[in-house]
Amino acid sequence: INLQTKLFATFFILLIFILGCFLI
């Protein structure tokens, strides 16, 4: 997996986590 894909996946996972915390 190239670095750009890893960066995008990490960003997406963190974004989902932060949005979930904000909704709670």
PDBML (XML) file of the C-alpha atoms, coordinates in Angstrom:
<?xml version="1.0" encoding="UTF-8" ?>
<PDBx:datablock datablockName="MODEL"
   xmlns:PDBx="http://pdbml.pdb.org/schema/pdbx-v50.xsd"
   xmlns:xsi="http://www.w3.org/2001/XMLSchema-instance"
   xsi:schemaLocation="http://pdbml.pdb.org/schema/pdbx-v50.xsd pdbx-v50.xsd">
   <PDBx:atom_siteCategory>
      <PDBx:atom_site id="1">
         <PDBx:B_iso_or_equiv>0.00</PDBx:B_iso_or_equiv>
         <PDBx:Cartn_x>0.000</PDBx:Cartn_x>
         <PDBx:Cartn_y>0.000</PDBx:Cartn_y>
         <PDBx:Cartn_z>0.000</PDBx:Cartn_z>
         <PDBx:auth_asym_id>A</PDBx:auth_asym_id>
         <PDBx:auth_atom_id>CA</PDBx:auth_atom_id>
         <PDBx:auth_comp_id>ILE</PDBx:auth_comp_id>
         <PDBx:auth_seq_id>1</PDBx:auth_seq_id>
         <PDBx:group_PDB>ATOM</PDBx:group_PDB>
         <PDBx:label_alt_id xsi:nil="true" />
         <PDBx:label_asym_id>A</PDBx:label_asym_id>
         <PDBx:label_atom_id>CA</PDBx:label_atom_id>
         <PDBx:label_comp_id>ILE</PDBx:label_comp_id>
         <PDBx:label_entity_id>1</PDBx:label_entity_id>
         <PDBx:label_seq_id>1</PDBx:label_seq_id>
         <PDBx:occupancy>1.00</PDBx:occupancy>
         <PDBx:pdbx_PDB_model_num>1</PDBx:pdbx_PDB_model_num>
         <PDBx:type_symbol>C</PDBx:type_symbol>
      </PDBx:atom_site>
      <PDBx:atom_site id="2">
         <PDBx:B_iso_or_equiv>0.00</PDBx:B_iso_or_equiv>
         <PDBx:Cartn_x>1.504</PDBx:Cartn_x>
         <PDBx:Cartn_y>3.320</PDBx:Cartn_y>
         <PDBx:Cartn_z>-0.972</PDBx:Cartn_z>
         <PDBx:auth_asym_id>A</PDBx:auth_asym_id>
         <PDBx:auth_atom_id>CA</PDBx:auth_atom_id>
         <PDBx:auth_comp_id>ASN</PDBx:auth_comp_id>
         <PDBx:auth_seq_id>2</PDBx:auth_seq_id>
         <PDBx:group_PDB>ATOM</PDBx:group_PDB>
         <PDBx:label_alt_id xsi:nil="true" />
         <PDBx:label_asym_id>A</PDBx:label_asym_id>
         <PDBx:label_atom_id>CA</PDBx:label_atom_id>
         <PDBx:label_comp_id>ASN</PDBx:label_comp_id>
         <PDBx:label_entity_id>1</PDBx:label_entity_id>
         <PDBx:label_seq_id>2</PDBx:label_seq_id>
         <PDBx:occupancy>1.00</PDBx:occupancy>
         <PDBx:pdbx_PDB_model_num>1</PDBx:pdbx_PDB_model_num>
         <PDBx:type_symbol>C</PDBx:type_symbol>
      </PDBx:atom_site>
      <PDBx:atom_site id="3">
         <PDBx:B_iso_or_equiv>0.00</PDBx:B_iso_or_equiv>
         <PDBx:Cartn_x>2.012</PDBx:Cartn_x>
         <PDBx:Cartn_y>6.161</PDBx:Cartn_y>
         <PDBx:Cartn_z>1.478</PDBx:Cartn_z>
         <PDBx:auth_asym_id>A</PDBx:auth_asym_id>
         <PDBx:auth_atom_id>CA</PDBx:auth_atom_id>
         <PDBx:auth_comp_id>LEU</PDBx:auth_comp_id>
         <PDBx:auth_seq_id>3</PDBx:auth_seq_id>
         <PDBx:group_PDB>ATOM</PDBx:group_PDB>
         <PDBx:label_alt_id xsi:nil="true" />
         <PDBx:label_asym_id>A</PDBx:label_asym_id>
         <PDBx:label_atom_id>CA</PDBx:label_atom_id>
         <PDBx:label_comp_id>LEU</PDBx:label_comp_id>
         <PDBx:label_entity_id>1</PDBx:label_entity_id>
         <PDBx:label_seq_id>3</PDBx:label_seq_id>
         <PDBx:occupancy>1.00</PDBx:occupancy>
         <PDBx:pdbx_PDB_model_num>1</PDBx:pdbx_PDB_model_num>
         <PDBx:type_symbol>C</PDBx:type_symbol>
      </PDBx:atom_site>
      <PDBx:atom_site id="4">
         <PDBx:B_iso_or_equiv>0.00</PDBx:B_iso_or_equiv>
         <PDBx:Cartn_x>-0.825</PDBx:Cartn_x>
         <PDBx:Cartn_y>8.293</PDBx:Cartn_y>
         <PDBx:Cartn_z>0.083</PDBx:Cartn_z>
         <PDBx:auth_asym_id>A</PDBx:auth_asym_id>
         <PDBx:auth_atom_id>CA</PDBx:auth_atom_id>
         <PDBx:auth_comp_id>GLN</PDBx:auth_comp_id>
         <PDBx:auth_seq_id>4</PDBx:auth_seq_id>
         <PDBx:group_PDB>ATOM</PDBx:group_PDB>
         <PDBx:label_alt_id xsi:nil="true" />
         <PDBx:label_asym_id>A</PDBx:label_asym_id>
         <PDBx:label_atom_id>CA</PDBx:label_atom_id>
         <PDBx:label_comp_id>GLN</PDBx:label_comp_id>
         <PDBx:label_entity_id>1</PDBx:label_entity_id>
         <PDBx:label_seq_id>4</PDBx:label_seq_id>
         <PDBx:occupancy>1.00</PDBx:occupancy>
         <PDBx:pdbx_PDB_model_num>1</PDBx:pdbx_PDB_model_num>
         <PDBx:type_symbol>C</PDBx:type_symbol>
      </PDBx:atom_site>
      <PDBx:atom_site id="5">
         <PDBx:B_iso_or_equiv>0.00</PDBx:B_iso_or_equiv>
         <PDBx:Cartn_x>-3.341</PDBx:Cartn_x>
         <PDBx:Cartn_y>5.479</PDBx:Cartn_y>
         <PDBx:Cartn_z>0.657</PDBx:Cartn_z>
         <PDBx:auth_asym_id>A</PDBx:auth_asym_id>
         <PDBx:auth_atom_id>CA</PDBx:auth_atom_id>
         <PDBx:auth_comp_id>THR</PDBx:auth_comp_id>
         <PDBx:auth_seq_id>5</PDBx:auth_seq_id>
         <PDBx:group_PDB>ATOM</PDBx:group_PDB>
         <PDBx:label_alt_id xsi:nil="true" />
         <PDBx:label_asym_id>A</PDBx:label_asym_id>
         <PDBx:label_atom_id>CA</PDBx:label_atom_id>
         <PDBx:label_comp_id>THR</PDBx:label_comp_id>
         <PDBx:label_entity_id>1</PDBx:label_entity_id>
         <PDBx:label_seq_id>5</PDBx:label_seq_id>
         <PDBx:occupancy>1.00</PDBx:occupancy>
         <PDBx:pdbx_PDB_model_num>1</PDBx:pdbx_PDB_model_num>
         <PDBx:type_symbol>C</PDBx:type_symbol>
      </PDBx:atom_site>
      <PDBx:atom_site id="6">
         <PDBx:B_iso_or_equiv>0.00</PDBx:B_iso_or_equiv>
         <PDBx:Cartn_x>-2.086</PDBx:Cartn_x>
         <PDBx:Cartn_y>4.921</PDBx:Cartn_y>
         <PDBx:Cartn_z>4.207</PDBx:Cartn_z>
         <PDBx:auth_asym_id>A</PDBx:auth_asym_id>
         <PDBx:auth_atom_id>CA</PDBx:auth_atom_id>
         <PDBx:auth_comp_id>LYS</PDBx:auth_comp_id>
         <PDBx:auth_seq_id>6</PDBx:auth_seq_id>
         <PDBx:group_PDB>ATOM</PDBx:group_PDB>
         <PDBx:label_alt_id xsi:nil="true" />
         <PDBx:label_asym_id>A</PDBx:label_asym_id>
         <PDBx:label_atom_id>CA</PDBx:label_atom_id>
         <PDBx:label_comp_id>LYS</PDBx:label_comp_id>
         <PDBx:label_entity_id>1</PDBx:label_entity_id>
         <PDBx:label_seq_id>6</PDBx:label_seq_id>
         <PDBx:occupancy>1.00</PDBx:occupancy>
         <PDBx:pdbx_PDB_model_num>1</PDBx:pdbx_PDB_model_num>
         <PDBx:type_symbol>C</PDBx:type_symbol>
      </PDBx:atom_site>
      <PDBx:atom_site id="7">
         <PDBx:B_iso_or_equiv>0.00</PDBx:B_iso_or_equiv>
         <PDBx:Cartn_x>-2.346</PDBx:Cartn_x>
         <PDBx:Cartn_y>8.650</PDBx:Cartn_y>
         <PDBx:Cartn_z>4.922</PDBx:Cartn_z>
         <PDBx:auth_asym_id>A</PDBx:auth_asym_id>
         <PDBx:auth_atom_id>CA</PDBx:auth_atom_id>
         <PDBx:auth_comp_id>LEU</PDBx:auth_comp_id>
         <PDBx:auth_seq_id>7</PDBx:auth_seq_id>
         <PDBx:group_PDB>ATOM</PDBx:group_PDB>
         <PDBx:label_alt_id xsi:nil="true" />
         <PDBx:label_asym_id>A</PDBx:label_asym_id>
         <PDBx:label_atom_id>CA</PDBx:label_atom_id>
         <PDBx:label_comp_id>LEU</PDBx:label_comp_id>
         <PDBx:label_entity_id>1</PDBx:label_entity_id>
         <PDBx:label_seq_id>7</PDBx:label_seq_id>
         <PDBx:occupancy>1.00</PDBx:occupancy>
         <PDBx:pdbx_PDB_model_num>1</PDBx:pdbx_PDB_model_num>
         <PDBx:type_symbol>C</PDBx:type_symbol>
      </PDBx:atom_site>
      <PDBx:atom_site id="8">
         <PDBx:B_iso_or_equiv>0.00</PDBx:B_iso_or_equiv>
         <PDBx:Cartn_x>-5.879</PDBx:Cartn_x>
         <PDBx:Cartn_y>8.834</PDBx:Cartn_y>
         <PDBx:Cartn_z>3.521</PDBx:Cartn_z>
         <PDBx:auth_asym_id>A</PDBx:auth_asym_id>
         <PDBx:auth_atom_id>CA</PDBx:auth_atom_id>
         <PDBx:auth_comp_id>PHE</PDBx:auth_comp_id>
         <PDBx:auth_seq_id>8</PDBx:auth_seq_id>
         <PDBx:group_PDB>ATOM</PDBx:group_PDB>
         <PDBx:label_alt_id xsi:nil="true" />
         <PDBx:label_asym_id>A</PDBx:label_asym_id>
         <PDBx:label_atom_id>CA</PDBx:label_atom_id>
         <PDBx:label_comp_id>PHE</PDBx:label_comp_id>
         <PDBx:label_entity_id>1</PDBx:label_entity_id>
         <PDBx:label_seq_id>8</PDBx:label_seq_id>
         <PDBx:occupancy>1.00</PDBx:occupancy>
         <PDBx:pdbx_PDB_model_num>1</PDBx:pdbx_PDB_model_num>
         <PDBx:type_symbol>C</PDBx:type_symbol>
      </PDBx:atom_site>
      <PDBx:atom_site id="9">
         <PDBx:B_iso_or_equiv>0.00</PDBx:B_iso_or_equiv>
         <PDBx:Cartn_x>-6.998</PDBx:Cartn_x>
         <PDBx:Cartn_y>5.757</PDBx:Cartn_y>
         <PDBx:Cartn_z>5.483</PDBx:Cartn_z>
         <PDBx:auth_asym_id>A</PDBx:auth_asym_id>
         <PDBx:auth_atom_id>CA</PDBx:auth_atom_id>
         <PDBx:auth_comp_id>ALA</PDBx:auth_comp_id>
         <PDBx:auth_seq_id>9</PDBx:auth_seq_id>
         <PDBx:group_PDB>ATOM</PDBx:group_PDB>
         <PDBx:label_alt_id xsi:nil="true" />
         <PDBx:label_asym_id>A</PDBx:label_asym_id>
         <PDBx:label_atom_id>CA</PDBx:label_atom_id>
         <PDBx:label_comp_id>ALA</PDBx:label_comp_id>
         <PDBx:label_entity_id>1</PDBx:label_entity_id>
         <PDBx:label_seq_id>9</PDBx:label_seq_id>
         <PDBx:occupancy>1.00</PDBx:occupancy>
         <PDBx:pdbx_PDB_model_num>1</PDBx:pdbx_PDB_model_num>
         <PDBx:type_symbol>C</PDBx:type_symbol>
      </PDBx:atom_site>
      <PDBx:atom_site id="10">
         <PDBx:B_iso_or_equiv>0.00</PDBx:B_iso_or_equiv>
         <PDBx:Cartn_x>-5.516</PDBx:Cartn_x>
         <PDBx:Cartn_y>7.105</PDBx:Cartn_y>
         <PDBx:Cartn_z>8.722</PDBx:Cartn_z>
         <PDBx:auth_asym_id>A</PDBx:auth_asym_id>
         <PDBx:auth_atom_id>CA</PDBx:auth_atom_id>
         <PDBx:auth_comp_id>THR</PDBx:auth_comp_id>
         <PDBx:auth_seq_id>10</PDBx:auth_seq_id>
         <PDBx:group_PDB>ATOM</PDBx:group_PDB>
         <PDBx:label_alt_id xsi:nil="true" />
         <PDBx:label_asym_id>A</PDBx:label_asym_id>
         <PDBx:label_atom_id>CA</PDBx:label_atom_id>
         <PDBx:label_comp_id>THR</PDBx:label_comp_id>
         <PDBx:label_entity_id>1</PDBx:label_entity_id>
         <PDBx:label_seq_id>10</PDBx:label_seq_id>
         <PDBx:occupancy>1.00</PDBx:occupancy>
         <PDBx:pdbx_PDB_model_num>1</PDBx:pdbx_PDB_model_num>
         <PDBx:type_symbol>C</PDBx:type_symbol>
      </PDBx:atom_site>
      <PDBx:atom_site id="11">
         <PDBx:B_iso_or_equiv>0.00</PDBx:B_iso_or_equiv>
         <PDBx:Cartn_x>-7.104</PDBx:Cartn_x>
         <PDBx:Cartn_y>10.515</PDBx:Cartn_y>
         <PDBx:Cartn_z>8.154</PDBx:Cartn_z>
         <PDBx:auth_asym_id>A</PDBx:auth_asym_id>
         <PDBx:auth_atom_id>CA</PDBx:auth_atom_id>
         <PDBx:auth_comp_id>PHE</PDBx:auth_comp_id>
         <PDBx:auth_seq_id>11</PDBx:auth_seq_id>
         <PDBx:group_PDB>ATOM</PDBx:group_PDB>
         <PDBx:label_alt_id xsi:nil="true" />
         <PDBx:label_asym_id>A</PDBx:label_asym_id>
         <PDBx:label_atom_id>CA</PDBx:label_atom_id>
         <PDBx:label_comp_id>PHE</PDBx:label_comp_id>
         <PDBx:label_entity_id>1</PDBx:label_entity_id>
         <PDBx:label_seq_id>11</PDBx:label_seq_id>
         <PDBx:occupancy>1.00</PDBx:occupancy>
         <PDBx:pdbx_PDB_model_num>1</PDBx:pdbx_PDB_model_num>
         <PDBx:type_symbol>C</PDBx:type_symbol>
      </PDBx:atom_site>
      <PDBx:atom_site id="12">
         <PDBx:B_iso_or_equiv>0.00</PDBx:B_iso_or_equiv>
         <PDBx:Cartn_x>-10.494</PDBx:Cartn_x>
         <PDBx:Cartn_y>8.943</PDBx:Cartn_y>
         <PDBx:Cartn_z>7.412</PDBx:Cartn_z>
         <PDBx:auth_asym_id>A</PDBx:auth_asym_id>
         <PDBx:auth_atom_id>CA</PDBx:auth_atom_id>
         <PDBx:auth_comp_id>PHE</PDBx:auth_comp_id>
         <PDBx:auth_seq_id>12</PDBx:auth_seq_id>
         <PDBx:group_PDB>ATOM</PDBx:group_PDB>
         <PDBx:label_alt_id xsi:nil="true" />
         <PDBx:label_asym_id>A</PDBx:label_asym_id>
         <PDBx:label_atom_id>CA</PDBx:label_atom_id>
         <PDBx:label_comp_id>PHE</PDBx:label_comp_id>
         <PDBx:label_entity_id>1</PDBx:label_entity_id>
         <PDBx:label_seq_id>12</PDBx:label_seq_id>
         <PDBx:occupancy>1.00</PDBx:occupancy>
         <PDBx:pdbx_PDB_model_num>1</PDBx:pdbx_PDB_model_num>
         <PDBx:type_symbol>C</PDBx:type_symbol>
      </PDBx:atom_site>
      <PDBx:atom_site id="13">
         <PDBx:B_iso_or_equiv>0.00</PDBx:B_iso_or_equiv>
         <PDBx:Cartn_x>-10.399</PDBx:Cartn_x>
         <PDBx:Cartn_y>6.741</PDBx:Cartn_y>
         <PDBx:Cartn_z>10.525</PDBx:Cartn_z>
         <PDBx:auth_asym_id>A</PDBx:auth_asym_id>
         <PDBx:auth_atom_id>CA</PDBx:auth_atom_id>
         <PDBx:auth_comp_id>ILE</PDBx:auth_comp_id>
         <PDBx:auth_seq_id>13</PDBx:auth_seq_id>
         <PDBx:group_PDB>ATOM</PDBx:group_PDB>
         <PDBx:label_alt_id xsi:nil="true" />
         <PDBx:label_asym_id>A</PDBx:label_asym_id>
         <PDBx:label_atom_id>CA</PDBx:label_atom_id>
         <PDBx:label_comp_id>ILE</PDBx:label_comp_id>
         <PDBx:label_entity_id>1</PDBx:label_entity_id>
         <PDBx:label_seq_id>13</PDBx:label_seq_id>
         <PDBx:occupancy>1.00</PDBx:occupancy>
         <PDBx:pdbx_PDB_model_num>1</PDBx:pdbx_PDB_model_num>
         <PDBx:type_symbol>C</PDBx:type_symbol>
      </PDBx:atom_site>
      <PDBx:atom_site id="14">
         <PDBx:B_iso_or_equiv>0.00</PDBx:B_iso_or_equiv>
         <PDBx:Cartn_x>-9.425</PDBx:Cartn_x>
         <PDBx:Cartn_y>9.695</PDBx:Cartn_y>
         <PDBx:Cartn_z>12.731</PDBx:Cartn_z>
         <PDBx:auth_asym_id>A</PDBx:auth_asym_id>
         <PDBx:auth_atom_id>CA</PDBx:auth_atom_id>
         <PDBx:auth_comp_id>LEU</PDBx:auth_comp_id>
         <PDBx:auth_seq_id>14</PDBx:auth_seq_id>
         <PDBx:group_PDB>ATOM</PDBx:group_PDB>
         <PDBx:label_alt_id xsi:nil="true" />
         <PDBx:label_asym_id>A</PDBx:label_asym_id>
         <PDBx:label_atom_id>CA</PDBx:label_atom_id>
         <PDBx:label_comp_id>LEU</PDBx:label_comp_id>
         <PDBx:label_entity_id>1</PDBx:label_entity_id>
         <PDBx:label_seq_id>14</PDBx:label_seq_id>
         <PDBx:occupancy>1.00</PDBx:occupancy>
         <PDBx:pdbx_PDB_model_num>1</PDBx:pdbx_PDB_model_num>
         <PDBx:type_symbol>C</PDBx:type_symbol>
      </PDBx:atom_site>
      <PDBx:atom_site id="15">
         <PDBx:B_iso_or_equiv>0.00</PDBx:B_iso_or_equiv>
         <PDBx:Cartn_x>-12.131</PDBx:Cartn_x>
         <PDBx:Cartn_y>11.852</PDBx:Cartn_y>
         <PDBx:Cartn_z>11.143</PDBx:Cartn_z>
         <PDBx:auth_asym_id>A</PDBx:auth_asym_id>
         <PDBx:auth_atom_id>CA</PDBx:auth_atom_id>
         <PDBx:auth_comp_id>LEU</PDBx:auth_comp_id>
         <PDBx:auth_seq_id>15</PDBx:auth_seq_id>
         <PDBx:group_PDB>ATOM</PDBx:group_PDB>
         <PDBx:label_alt_id xsi:nil="true" />
         <PDBx:label_asym_id>A</PDBx:label_asym_id>
         <PDBx:label_atom_id>CA</PDBx:label_atom_id>
         <PDBx:label_comp_id>LEU</PDBx:label_comp_id>
         <PDBx:label_entity_id>1</PDBx:label_entity_id>
         <PDBx:label_seq_id>15</PDBx:label_seq_id>
         <PDBx:occupancy>1.00</PDBx:occupancy>
         <PDBx:pdbx_PDB_model_num>1</PDBx:pdbx_PDB_model_num>
         <PDBx:type_symbol>C</PDBx:type_symbol>
      </PDBx:atom_site>
      <PDBx:atom_site id="16">
         <PDBx:B_iso_or_equiv>0.00</PDBx:B_iso_or_equiv>
         <PDBx:Cartn_x>-14.805</PDBx:Cartn_x>
         <PDBx:Cartn_y>9.235</PDBx:Cartn_y>
         <PDBx:Cartn_z>11.862</PDBx:Cartn_z>
         <PDBx:auth_asym_id>A</PDBx:auth_asym_id>
         <PDBx:auth_atom_id>CA</PDBx:auth_atom_id>
         <PDBx:auth_comp_id>ILE</PDBx:auth_comp_id>
         <PDBx:auth_seq_id>16</PDBx:auth_seq_id>
         <PDBx:group_PDB>ATOM</PDBx:group_PDB>
         <PDBx:label_alt_id xsi:nil="true" />
         <PDBx:label_asym_id>A</PDBx:label_asym_id>
         <PDBx:label_atom_id>CA</PDBx:label_atom_id>
         <PDBx:label_comp_id>ILE</PDBx:label_comp_id>
         <PDBx:label_entity_id>1</PDBx:label_entity_id>
         <PDBx:label_seq_id>16</PDBx:label_seq_id>
         <PDBx:occupancy>1.00</PDBx:occupancy>
         <PDBx:pdbx_PDB_model_num>1</PDBx:pdbx_PDB_model_num>
         <PDBx:type_symbol>C</PDBx:type_symbol>
      </PDBx:atom_site>
      <PDBx:atom_site id="17">
         <PDBx:B_iso_or_equiv>0.00</PDBx:B_iso_or_equiv>
         <PDBx:Cartn_x>-13.556</PDBx:Cartn_x>
         <PDBx:Cartn_y>8.895</PDBx:Cartn_y>
         <PDBx:Cartn_z>15.460</PDBx:Cartn_z>
         <PDBx:auth_asym_id>A</PDBx:auth_asym_id>
         <PDBx:auth_atom_id>CA</PDBx:auth_atom_id>
         <PDBx:auth_comp_id>PHE</PDBx:auth_comp_id>
         <PDBx:auth_seq_id>17</PDBx:auth_seq_id>
         <PDBx:group_PDB>ATOM</PDBx:group_PDB>
         <PDBx:label_alt_id xsi:nil="true" />
         <PDBx:label_asym_id>A</PDBx:label_asym_id>
         <PDBx:label_atom_id>CA</PDBx:label_atom_id>
         <PDBx:label_comp_id>PHE</PDBx:label_comp_id>
         <PDBx:label_entity_id>1</PDBx:label_entity_id>
         <PDBx:label_seq_id>17</PDBx:label_seq_id>
         <PDBx:occupancy>1.00</PDBx:occupancy>
         <PDBx:pdbx_PDB_model_num>1</PDBx:pdbx_PDB_model_num>
         <PDBx:type_symbol>C</PDBx:type_symbol>
      </PDBx:atom_site>
      <PDBx:atom_site id="18">
         <PDBx:B_iso_or_equiv>0.00</PDBx:B_iso_or_equiv>
         <PDBx:Cartn_x>-13.568</PDBx:Cartn_x>
         <PDBx:Cartn_y>12.670</PDBx:Cartn_y>
         <PDBx:Cartn_z>16.062</PDBx:Cartn_z>
         <PDBx:auth_asym_id>A</PDBx:auth_asym_id>
         <PDBx:auth_atom_id>CA</PDBx:auth_atom_id>
         <PDBx:auth_comp_id>ILE</PDBx:auth_comp_id>
         <PDBx:auth_seq_id>18</PDBx:auth_seq_id>
         <PDBx:group_PDB>ATOM</PDBx:group_PDB>
         <PDBx:label_alt_id xsi:nil="true" />
         <PDBx:label_asym_id>A</PDBx:label_asym_id>
         <PDBx:label_atom_id>CA</PDBx:label_atom_id>
         <PDBx:label_comp_id>ILE</PDBx:label_comp_id>
         <PDBx:label_entity_id>1</PDBx:label_entity_id>
         <PDBx:label_seq_id>18</PDBx:label_seq_id>
         <PDBx:occupancy>1.00</PDBx:occupancy>
         <PDBx:pdbx_PDB_model_num>1</PDBx:pdbx_PDB_model_num>
         <PDBx:type_symbol>C</PDBx:type_symbol>
      </PDBx:atom_site>
      <PDBx:atom_site id="19">
         <PDBx:B_iso_or_equiv>0.00</PDBx:B_iso_or_equiv>
         <PDBx:Cartn_x>-17.028</PDBx:Cartn_x>
         <PDBx:Cartn_y>13.093</PDBx:Cartn_y>
         <PDBx:Cartn_z>14.507</PDBx:Cartn_z>
         <PDBx:auth_asym_id>A</PDBx:auth_asym_id>
         <PDBx:auth_atom_id>CA</PDBx:auth_atom_id>
         <PDBx:auth_comp_id>LEU</PDBx:auth_comp_id>
         <PDBx:auth_seq_id>19</PDBx:auth_seq_id>
         <PDBx:group_PDB>ATOM</PDBx:group_PDB>
         <PDBx:label_alt_id xsi:nil="true" />
         <PDBx:label_asym_id>A</PDBx:label_asym_id>
         <PDBx:label_atom_id>CA</PDBx:label_atom_id>
         <PDBx:label_comp_id>LEU</PDBx:label_comp_id>
         <PDBx:label_entity_id>1</PDBx:label_entity_id>
         <PDBx:label_seq_id>19</PDBx:label_seq_id>
         <PDBx:occupancy>1.00</PDBx:occupancy>
         <PDBx:pdbx_PDB_model_num>1</PDBx:pdbx_PDB_model_num>
         <PDBx:type_symbol>C</PDBx:type_symbol>
      </PDBx:atom_site>
      <PDBx:atom_site id="20">
         <PDBx:B_iso_or_equiv>0.00</PDBx:B_iso_or_equiv>
         <PDBx:Cartn_x>-18.361</PDBx:Cartn_x>
         <PDBx:Cartn_y>10.256</PDBx:Cartn_y>
         <PDBx:Cartn_z>16.666</PDBx:Cartn_z>
         <PDBx:auth_asym_id>A</PDBx:auth_asym_id>
         <PDBx:auth_atom_id>CA</PDBx:auth_atom_id>
         <PDBx:auth_comp_id>GLY</PDBx:auth_comp_id>
         <PDBx:auth_seq_id>20</PDBx:auth_seq_id>
         <PDBx:group_PDB>ATOM</PDBx:group_PDB>
         <PDBx:label_alt_id xsi:nil="true" />
         <PDBx:label_asym_id>A</PDBx:label_asym_id>
         <PDBx:label_atom_id>CA</PDBx:label_atom_id>
         <PDBx:label_comp_id>GLY</PDBx:label_comp_id>
         <PDBx:label_entity_id>1</PDBx:label_entity_id>
         <PDBx:label_seq_id>20</PDBx:label_seq_id>
         <PDBx:occupancy>1.00</PDBx:occupancy>
         <PDBx:pdbx_PDB_model_num>1</PDBx:pdbx_PDB_model_num>
         <PDBx:type_symbol>C</PDBx:type_symbol>
      </PDBx:atom_site>
      <PDBx:atom_site id="21">
         <PDBx:B_iso_or_equiv>0.00</PDBx:B_iso_or_equiv>
         <PDBx:Cartn_x>-16.949</PDBx:Cartn_x>
         <PDBx:Cartn_y>11.874</PDBx:Cartn_y>
         <PDBx:Cartn_z>19.811</PDBx:Cartn_z>
         <PDBx:auth_asym_id>A</PDBx:auth_asym_id>
         <PDBx:auth_atom_id>CA</PDBx:auth_atom_id>
         <PDBx:auth_comp_id>CYS</PDBx:auth_comp_id>
         <PDBx:auth_seq_id>21</PDBx:auth_seq_id>
         <PDBx:group_PDB>ATOM</PDBx:group_PDB>
         <PDBx:label_alt_id xsi:nil="true" />
         <PDBx:label_asym_id>A</PDBx:label_asym_id>
         <PDBx:label_atom_id>CA</PDBx:label_atom_id>
         <PDBx:label_comp_id>CYS</PDBx:label_comp_id>
         <PDBx:label_entity_id>1</PDBx:label_entity_id>
         <PDBx:label_seq_id>21</PDBx:label_seq_id>
         <PDBx:occupancy>1.00</PDBx:occupancy>
         <PDBx:pdbx_PDB_model_num>1</PDBx:pdbx_PDB_model_num>
         <PDBx:type_symbol>C</PDBx:type_symbol>
      </PDBx:atom_site>
      <PDBx:atom_site id="22">
         <PDBx:B_iso_or_equiv>0.00</PDBx:B_iso_or_equiv>
         <PDBx:Cartn_x>-18.442</PDBx:Cartn_x>
         <PDBx:Cartn_y>15.213</PDBx:Cartn_y>
         <PDBx:Cartn_z>18.784</PDBx:Cartn_z>
         <PDBx:auth_asym_id>A</PDBx:auth_asym_id>
         <PDBx:auth_atom_id>CA</PDBx:auth_atom_id>
         <PDBx:auth_comp_id>PHE</PDBx:auth_comp_id>
         <PDBx:auth_seq_id>22</PDBx:auth_seq_id>
         <PDBx:group_PDB>ATOM</PDBx:group_PDB>
         <PDBx:label_alt_id xsi:nil="true" />
         <PDBx:label_asym_id>A</PDBx:label_asym_id>
         <PDBx:label_atom_id>CA</PDBx:label_atom_id>
         <PDBx:label_comp_id>PHE</PDBx:label_comp_id>
         <PDBx:label_entity_id>1</PDBx:label_entity_id>
         <PDBx:label_seq_id>22</PDBx:label_seq_id>
         <PDBx:occupancy>1.00</PDBx:occupancy>
         <PDBx:pdbx_PDB_model_num>1</PDBx:pdbx_PDB_model_num>
         <PDBx:type_symbol>C</PDBx:type_symbol>
      </PDBx:atom_site>
      <PDBx:atom_site id="23">
         <PDBx:B_iso_or_equiv>0.00</PDBx:B_iso_or_equiv>
         <PDBx:Cartn_x>-21.880</PDBx:Cartn_x>
         <PDBx:Cartn_y>13.663</PDBx:Cartn_y>
         <PDBx:Cartn_z>18.218</PDBx:Cartn_z>
         <PDBx:auth_asym_id>A</PDBx:auth_asym_id>
         <PDBx:auth_atom_id>CA</PDBx:auth_atom_id>
         <PDBx:auth_comp_id>LEU</PDBx:auth_comp_id>
         <PDBx:auth_seq_id>23</PDBx:auth_seq_id>
         <PDBx:group_PDB>ATOM</PDBx:group_PDB>
         <PDBx:label_alt_id xsi:nil="true" />
         <PDBx:label_asym_id>A</PDBx:label_asym_id>
         <PDBx:label_atom_id>CA</PDBx:label_atom_id>
         <PDBx:label_comp_id>LEU</PDBx:label_comp_id>
         <PDBx:label_entity_id>1</PDBx:label_entity_id>
         <PDBx:label_seq_id>23</PDBx:label_seq_id>
         <PDBx:occupancy>1.00</PDBx:occupancy>
         <PDBx:pdbx_PDB_model_num>1</PDBx:pdbx_PDB_model_num>
         <PDBx:type_symbol>C</PDBx:type_symbol>
      </PDBx:atom_site>
      <PDBx:atom_site id="24">
         <PDBx:B_iso_or_equiv>0.00</PDBx:B_iso_or_equiv>
         <PDBx:Cartn_x>-21.768</PDBx:Cartn_x>
         <PDBx:Cartn_y>12.003</PDBx:Cartn_y>
         <PDBx:Cartn_z>21.646</PDBx:Cartn_z>
         <PDBx:auth_asym_id>A</PDBx:auth_asym_id>
         <PDBx:auth_atom_id>CA</PDBx:auth_atom_id>
         <PDBx:auth_comp_id>ILE</PDBx:auth_comp_id>
         <PDBx:auth_seq_id>24</PDBx:auth_seq_id>
         <PDBx:group_PDB>ATOM</PDBx:group_PDB>
         <PDBx:label_alt_id xsi:nil="true" />
         <PDBx:label_asym_id>A</PDBx:label_asym_id>
         <PDBx:label_atom_id>CA</PDBx:label_atom_id>
         <PDBx:label_comp_id>ILE</PDBx:label_comp_id>
         <PDBx:label_entity_id>1</PDBx:label_entity_id>
         <PDBx:label_seq_id>24</PDBx:label_seq_id>
         <PDBx:occupancy>1.00</PDBx:occupancy>
         <PDBx:pdbx_PDB_model_num>1</PDBx:pdbx_PDB_model_num>
         <PDBx:type_symbol>C</PDBx:type_symbol>
      </PDBx:atom_site>
   </PDBx:atom_siteCategory>
</PDBx:datablock>
